[in-house]
Protein backbone atom coordinates (compact mmCIF):
# COMPACT_ATOMS: atom_id res chain seq x y z
CA MET A 1 0.00 0.00 0.00
CA ASP A 2 2.80 2.40 0.75
CA LYS A 3 4.15 2.04 -2.77
CA LEU A 4 0.68 2.68 -4.25
CA LYS A 5 0.22 5.75 -2.03
CA LYS A 6 3.69 7.05 -2.98
CA ASN A 7 2.95 6.57 -6.71
CA SER A 8 -0.40 8.35 -6.31
CA ILE A 9 1.30 11.34 -4.65
CA ILE A 10 3.94 11.48 -7.40
CA ALA A 11 1.25 11.26 -10.12
CA ALA A 12 -0.77 14.03 -8.42
CA GLY A 13 2.38 16.19 -8.22
CA VAL A 14 3.15 15.64 -11.91
CA ILE A 15 -0.45 16.48 -12.87
CA LEU A 16 -0.32 19.63 -10.71
CA LEU A 17 3.02 20.65 -12.29
CA ILE A 18 1.60 20.15 -15.80
CA ALA A 19 -1.51 22.19 -14.90
CA VAL A 20 0.67 25.04 -13.57
CA LEU A 21 2.82 25.01 -16.73
CA ILE A 22 -0.28 25.07 -18.93
CA ALA A 23 -1.70 28.00 -16.92
CA ILE A 24 1.56 29.92 -17.29
CA GLY A 25 1.59 29.21 -21.04
CA VAL A 26 -2.01 30.42 -21.43
CA PHE A 27 -1.25 33.58 -19.43
CA VAL A 28 1.89 34.41 -21.42
CA SER A 29 0.18 33.64 -24.74
CA GLY A 30 -2.83 35.79 -23.80
CA SER A 31 -0.69 38.74 -22.74
CA LEU A 32 1.19 38.64 -26.04
CA HIS A 33 -2.10 38.88 -27.95
CA ASP A 34 -3.51 41.71 -25.83
CA GLU A 35 -1.75 44.28 -28.00
CA LYS A 36 -4.11 46.39 -30.10
CA GLU A 37 -4.51 44.82 -33.49
CA PRO A 38 -3.47 47.21 -36.25
CA GLU A 39 -6.43 48.68 -38.04
CA ASN A 40 -6.84 48.12 -41.75
CA THR A 41 -6.48 51.51 -43.38
CA ASN A 42 -7.55 51.45 -46.99
CA GLY A 43 -5.83 48.19 -47.86
CA VAL A 44 -2.67 48.64 -45.83
CA VAL A 45 -1.94 48.11 -42.17
CA GLY A 46 0.03 50.50 -39.99
CA ILE A 47 0.73 50.18 -36.30
CA VAL A 48 0.04 53.46 -34.57
CA SER A 49 1.64 53.95 -31.18
CA ASP A 50 1.29 56.53 -28.46
CA GLY A 51 4.27 58.48 -27.20
CA TRP A 52 5.13 59.36 -30.79
CA SER A 53 7.66 62.14 -31.10
CA THR A 54 8.82 64.19 -34.05
CA GLY A 55 12.38 63.41 -33.00
CA LEU A 56 13.27 67.10 -33.20
CA ASP A 57 14.71 69.04 -30.28
CA ASP A 58 13.45 72.42 -29.13
CA GLN A 59 10.27 72.57 -31.17
CA PRO A 60 8.55 75.94 -31.03
CA THR A 61 5.26 75.75 -29.19
CA GLU A 62 2.48 78.21 -29.81
CA SER A 63 -0.74 77.46 -28.00
CA ALA A 64 -2.95 78.99 -30.71
CA SER A 65 -1.41 77.15 -33.67
CA ILE A 66 -1.30 73.58 -34.91
CA GLN A 67 2.12 71.96 -35.26
CA ILE A 68 2.66 70.11 -38.54
CA PRO A 69 5.67 67.79 -38.99
CA GLY A 70 7.91 68.67 -41.93
CA TYR A 71 10.15 66.53 -44.08
CA SER A 72 12.91 67.22 -46.59
CA MET A 73 13.90 63.78 -47.87
CA ALA A 74 13.30 60.07 -47.32
CA GLU A 75 15.04 57.06 -48.83
CA MET A 76 14.03 53.48 -49.46
CA LYS A 77 15.04 50.51 -51.60
CA GLU A 78 13.26 49.48 -54.76
CA GLY A 79 10.65 46.83 -53.97
CA ASP A 80 10.33 47.78 -50.27
CA THR A 81 6.79 47.49 -48.95
CA SER A 82 7.29 50.06 -46.20
CA LEU A 83 8.92 53.45 -45.78
CA HIS A 84 10.83 54.54 -42.70
CA LEU A 85 9.24 57.96 -42.11
CA SER A 86 7.90 59.38 -38.88
CA ILE A 87 4.30 60.46 -39.41
CA GLY A 88 2.29 61.58 -36.42
CA ASN A 89 0.53 64.26 -34.44
CA PRO A 90 2.71 66.30 -32.05
CA GLU A 91 1.48 65.93 -28.48
CA ASP A 92 1.00 69.69 -27.98
CA ASN A 93 -1.75 69.83 -30.63
CA SER A 94 -5.38 70.09 -29.60
CA CYS A 95 -6.77 68.40 -32.72
CA GLY A 96 -6.59 65.06 -34.47
CA PHE A 97 -4.89 64.29 -37.78
CA TYR A 98 -5.62 62.04 -40.70
CA ALA A 99 -2.36 61.68 -42.63
CA THR A 100 -2.19 60.67 -46.28
CA LEU A 101 1.14 59.88 -47.95
CA MET A 102 0.96 60.36 -51.70
CA LEU A 103 3.05 61.06 -54.74
CA GLU A 104 2.84 64.29 -56.71
CA ASP A 105 0.75 62.55 -59.37
CA GLY A 106 -1.94 61.72 -56.77
CA THR A 107 -0.96 58.08 -56.16
CA VAL A 108 -1.95 57.35 -52.55
CA LEU A 109 0.65 55.22 -50.77
CA TYR A 110 -0.83 55.29 -47.25
CA GLU A 111 -3.82 56.67 -45.35
CA SER A 112 -3.74 56.70 -41.56
CA GLU A 113 -6.43 56.14 -39.01
CA LEU A 114 -7.17 59.10 -36.72
CA LEU A 115 -3.97 60.21 -35.02
CA ALA A 116 -4.65 61.78 -31.64
CA PRO A 117 -2.05 64.17 -30.19
CA GLY A 118 1.08 62.22 -29.29
CA TYR A 119 0.24 59.30 -31.60
CA GLY A 120 2.09 58.32 -34.75
CA LEU A 121 4.08 55.68 -36.57
CA THR A 122 7.59 55.36 -37.96
CA GLU A 123 7.22 52.47 -40.42
CA ILE A 124 4.71 53.36 -43.10
CA PRO A 125 3.28 50.35 -44.95
CA LEU A 126 2.90 51.21 -48.61
CA SER A 127 -0.04 50.22 -50.79
CA GLU A 128 2.37 49.67 -53.69
CA THR A 129 6.09 49.36 -54.31
CA LEU A 130 8.08 51.94 -56.23
CA GLN A 131 10.71 51.64 -58.93
CA LYS A 132 14.13 53.26 -58.66
CA GLY A 133 14.04 57.01 -59.06
CA GLU A 134 13.37 60.29 -57.37
CA TYR A 135 9.79 61.25 -56.56
CA THR A 136 8.10 64.31 -55.19
CA ALA A 137 5.97 63.09 -52.30
CA VAL A 138 3.55 64.82 -49.96
CA VAL A 139 2.11 64.06 -46.56
CA LEU A 140 -1.33 65.66 -46.41
CA PHE A 141 -2.43 66.35 -42.83
CA GLN A 142 -6.18 66.82 -42.47
CA CYS A 143 -6.89 68.31 -39.06
CA VAL A 144 -10.13 67.44 -37.25
CA THR A 145 -11.72 68.09 -33.88
CA LEU A 146 -11.17 65.48 -31.19
CA ASP A 147 -14.87 65.12 -30.34
CA ASP A 148 -17.02 62.34 -31.75
CA ALA A 149 -17.90 64.42 -34.83
CA HIS A 150 -14.26 64.75 -36.00
CA ALA A 151 -15.31 67.95 -37.76
CA PRO A 152 -12.78 69.14 -40.34
CA LEU A 153 -10.58 72.07 -39.34
CA ASN A 154 -7.85 72.84 -41.82
CA SER A 155 -5.24 70.90 -43.74
CA ALA A 156 -1.57 71.24 -44.50
CA GLU A 157 0.86 69.57 -46.88
CA SER A 158 4.45 68.66 -46.16
CA GLU A 159 6.30 68.06 -49.43
CA PHE A 160 9.57 66.12 -49.60
CA THR A 161 11.82 64.20 -51.99
CA LEU A 162 11.45 60.42 -51.91
CA VAL A 163 14.53 58.63 -53.25
CA VAL A 164 14.13 54.99 -54.26
CA LYS A 165 17.48 53.22 -54.70
């Protein structure tokens, strides 16, 4: 009987250990999937994160104006499906942005979801790849109110040179 009792205790311990490991696995797996799923934005997916920063030091702040990020040049490789460019809404703004990345000829490469102040992304998924060359590109910022209506305010364009190598 002692051997049977000992084997039962060992079996119960092994079952308990397996149950604990399964619980830990479920917890870890669940916490990895709790991240906000990227929203589909007109055929492309972009991950928008909070705490976005323009990456520029000593930005002028005027309480009555809207800050619009500016760009001079961006580079990418031919065939890339994303562009490393920081598009977002500076945290000092009191409005939301919809950002559209497009070429001078009107080809839309990316349209963002609503970007609240302090939100943005640095890897822009492109709706199409580009061939080698130099392009004139524009980020169109459409400013809207932050209430449920998202009423249009004004818009601004930030033009830059996009070099595809």
